[in-house]
């Protein structure tokens, strides 16, 4: 009998600056849903750095898949892209304090328990890191995977809805929206 089945979430996207923030919010929301709030900041920072690397370095395209998965007491975060070139990790001590690049993987290493890179077939790679999931306390051990429902006496929150017209610039390439597949 499996007491805590594997939990998995995958998002396919173009690693563009506007999408990176969106994926960071998706990862944060998914970790809240799984009651892994203590991991949100480190996971969001790590996924931001990995997606920034895809945006800056990946060839021939910026398409990638971000996956997060909980396996027993480990959160695995990975980014798969189509560039077979493995990242070159320099010595962080040799990076200038004012440099605007060259620290991403060192930051991933600093916030994670483990990280690495592996080839993914002939045309891609996967860069990954792990975080140790917090051990459930007796107070949270019986908490369901879904948040509790509101009591009937509670009033629903007011929603703000605004219609915004966004001009389309036909000269700019249109990008596909991010897609996600979440298994609960």
Protein backbone atom coordinates (compact mmCIF):
# COMPACT_ATOMS: atom_id res chain seq x y z
CA UNK A 1 0.00 0.00 0.00
CA UNK A 2 1.32 3.44 -0.92
CA UNK A 3 0.57 5.95 1.81
CA UNK A 4 1.86 8.99 -0.10
CA UNK A 5 1.58 8.47 -3.85
CA UNK A 6 3.94 10.35 -6.12
CA UNK A 7 2.73 13.84 -6.99
CA UNK A 8 3.68 15.33 -10.35
CA UNK A 9 3.17 18.60 -12.27
CA UNK A 10 4.55 19.46 -15.72
CA UNK A 11 4.44 22.73 -17.65
CA UNK A 12 5.56 23.12 -21.28
CA UNK A 13 6.49 26.65 -22.35
CA UNK A 14 8.69 28.99 -24.32
CA UNK A 15 11.37 30.20 -21.87
CA UNK A 16 10.65 33.88 -22.34
CA UNK A 17 10.87 36.45 -19.52
CA UNK A 18 7.08 36.84 -19.36
CA UNK A 19 6.62 33.08 -19.07
CA UNK A 20 9.27 32.64 -16.37
CA UNK A 21 7.22 34.64 -13.85
CA UNK A 22 4.11 32.67 -14.81
CA UNK A 23 5.83 29.33 -14.21
CA UNK A 24 7.21 30.59 -10.89
CA UNK A 25 3.61 31.33 -9.82
CA UNK A 26 2.45 27.89 -11.03
CA UNK A 27 5.21 26.15 -9.06
CA UNK A 28 4.39 28.20 -5.94
CA UNK A 29 0.68 27.42 -6.20
CA UNK A 30 1.32 23.71 -6.74
CA UNK A 31 3.61 23.51 -3.71
CA UNK A 32 0.96 25.28 -1.61
CA UNK A 33 -1.60 22.73 -2.85
CA UNK A 34 0.73 19.93 -1.77
CA UNK A 35 1.27 21.64 1.62
CA UNK A 36 4.97 22.18 0.90
CA UNK A 37 4.97 25.91 1.66
CA UNK A 38 8.46 25.88 3.26
CA UNK A 39 9.95 24.91 -0.14
CA UNK A 40 8.30 27.63 -2.22
CA UNK A 41 11.03 30.29 -2.09
CA UNK A 42 13.90 27.92 -2.88
CA UNK A 43 11.97 26.08 -5.61
CA UNK A 44 10.87 29.35 -7.23
CA UNK A 45 14.43 30.71 -7.17
CA UNK A 46 15.86 27.49 -8.63
CA UNK A 47 13.29 27.20 -11.42
CA UNK A 48 13.80 30.88 -12.27
CA UNK A 49 17.54 30.35 -12.67
CA UNK A 50 17.11 27.22 -14.80
CA UNK A 51 14.54 28.89 -17.08
CA UNK A 52 16.74 31.97 -17.40
CA UNK A 53 19.55 29.69 -18.60
CA UNK A 54 17.24 28.19 -21.23
CA UNK A 55 16.21 31.69 -22.32
CA UNK A 56 19.81 32.91 -22.57
CA UNK A 57 21.61 29.83 -23.93
CA UNK A 58 19.34 27.14 -25.43
CA UNK A 59 19.48 26.50 -29.16
CA UNK A 60 17.71 25.87 -31.55
CA UNK A 61 14.59 27.03 -29.69
CA UNK A 62 13.44 28.10 -26.24
CA UNK A 63 10.83 25.38 -25.80
CA UNK A 64 11.21 23.51 -22.53
CA UNK A 65 9.31 21.47 -19.97
CA UNK A 66 9.40 22.22 -16.25
CA UNK A 67 8.53 19.27 -14.02
CA UNK A 68 8.09 19.13 -10.28
CA UNK A 69 7.54 15.85 -8.53
CA UNK A 70 7.37 14.75 -4.92
CA UNK A 71 8.92 11.35 -4.27
CA UNK A 72 8.65 10.33 -0.62
CA UNK A 73 10.61 13.10 1.14
CA UNK A 74 12.20 14.73 -1.94
CA UNK A 75 10.94 17.44 -4.26
CA UNK A 76 12.54 17.03 -7.69
CA UNK A 77 12.49 20.09 -9.96
CA UNK A 78 13.74 19.66 -13.53
CA UNK A 79 13.88 21.66 -16.74
CA UNK A 80 14.18 19.78 -20.04
CA UNK A 81 15.17 21.67 -23.21
CA UNK A 82 16.16 20.79 -26.78
CA UNK A 83 19.79 21.94 -26.61
CA UNK A 84 22.17 18.97 -26.21
CA UNK A 85 25.03 21.19 -24.97
CA UNK A 86 25.60 20.68 -21.26
CA UNK A 87 26.11 23.80 -19.14
CA UNK A 88 29.63 24.83 -18.26
CA UNK A 89 29.86 25.53 -14.57
CA UNK A 90 32.60 27.96 -13.68
CA UNK A 91 34.17 28.67 -10.32
CA UNK A 92 31.89 31.09 -8.46
CA UNK A 93 34.92 32.67 -6.81
CA UNK A 94 36.13 33.78 -10.24
CA UNK A 95 32.90 35.61 -11.09
CA UNK A 96 33.13 39.37 -10.63
CA UNK A 97 30.89 40.74 -7.85
CA UNK A 98 29.34 43.10 -10.41
CA UNK A 99 28.77 40.44 -13.11
CA UNK A 100 25.19 40.05 -14.30
CA UNK A 101 25.59 36.41 -15.34
CA UNK A 102 27.53 33.33 -14.34
CA UNK A 103 25.96 32.74 -10.92
CA UNK A 104 22.75 30.88 -11.80
CA UNK A 105 23.87 27.29 -11.29
CA UNK A 106 25.89 28.30 -8.22
CA UNK A 107 22.68 29.73 -6.75
CA UNK A 108 20.81 26.53 -7.61
CA UNK A 109 23.57 24.55 -5.87
CA UNK A 110 23.37 26.86 -2.84
CA UNK A 111 19.59 26.55 -2.32
CA UNK A 112 19.24 22.84 -3.11
CA UNK A 113 20.35 19.62 -1.48
CA UNK A 114 21.50 18.17 -4.79
CA UNK A 115 21.56 19.18 -8.45
CA UNK A 116 22.84 17.94 -11.76
CA UNK A 117 22.49 17.72 -15.50
CA UNK A 118 22.02 14.74 -17.79
CA UNK A 119 21.72 14.29 -21.55
CA UNK A 120 18.18 13.63 -22.76
CA UNK A 121 18.52 11.56 -25.89
CA UNK A 122 20.38 13.02 -28.85
CA UNK A 123 18.71 16.39 -28.85
CA UNK A 124 18.39 17.77 -25.38
CA UNK A 125 19.27 17.78 -21.73
CA UNK A 126 17.65 17.90 -18.31
CA UNK A 127 18.94 20.16 -15.54
CA UNK A 128 17.51 19.26 -12.15
CA UNK A 129 17.71 19.93 -8.43
CA UNK A 130 16.18 18.41 -5.31
CA UNK A 131 14.87 19.84 -2.08
CA UNK A 132 14.06 17.86 1.04
CA UNK A 133 10.36 17.99 1.81
CA UNK A 134 9.48 18.88 5.39
CA UNK A 135 8.52 15.96 7.60
CA UNK A 136 4.81 16.09 8.46
CA UNK A 137 4.13 16.94 12.08
CA UNK A 138 1.38 15.10 13.99
CA UNK A 139 -0.83 18.17 13.50
CA UNK A 140 -0.43 18.06 9.70
CA UNK A 141 -0.03 14.32 9.17
CA UNK A 142 -3.76 13.82 8.69
CA UNK A 143 -4.20 16.83 6.40
CA UNK A 144 -5.73 15.88 3.09
CA UNK A 145 -4.01 16.68 -0.18
CA UNK A 146 -6.73 19.23 -0.95
CA UNK A 147 -7.38 22.35 1.12
CA UNK A 148 -10.40 22.09 3.41
CA UNK A 149 -13.72 23.40 2.12
CA UNK A 150 -15.11 26.62 3.56
CA UNK A 151 -17.87 26.39 6.08
CA UNK A 152 -21.30 27.27 4.70
CA UNK A 153 -21.50 30.32 6.97
CA UNK A 154 -18.47 31.96 5.35
CA UNK A 155 -19.18 34.53 2.68
CA UNK A 156 -17.44 34.05 -0.66
CA UNK A 157 -14.74 36.55 -1.54
CA UNK A 158 -15.71 39.34 -3.93
CA UNK A 159 -14.15 38.96 -7.33
CA UNK A 160 -12.82 41.83 -9.36
CA UNK A 161 -13.31 41.39 -13.07
CA UNK A 162 -11.96 43.85 -15.58
CA UNK A 163 -12.02 43.75 -19.32
CA UNK A 164 -8.78 44.86 -20.90
CA UNK A 165 -8.21 45.35 -24.58
CA UNK A 166 -4.65 44.42 -25.51
CA UNK A 167 -3.40 45.82 -28.82
CA UNK A 168 -1.77 43.25 -31.08
CA UNK A 169 1.44 44.16 -32.83
CA UNK A 170 1.43 42.18 -36.08
CA UNK A 171 5.18 42.72 -36.49
CA UNK A 172 6.01 40.70 -33.35
CA UNK A 173 5.96 36.93 -33.34
CA UNK A 174 3.11 35.51 -31.32
CA UNK A 175 4.12 32.96 -28.70
CA UNK A 176 2.17 29.94 -27.65
CA UNK A 177 0.68 30.11 -24.16
CA UNK A 178 2.18 27.99 -21.42
CA UNK A 179 0.50 24.61 -21.01
CA UNK A 180 0.38 22.57 -17.88
CA UNK A 181 -0.53 19.05 -16.93
CA UNK A 182 -1.17 18.73 -13.22
CA UNK A 183 -1.75 15.42 -11.52
CA UNK A 184 -3.01 15.84 -8.05
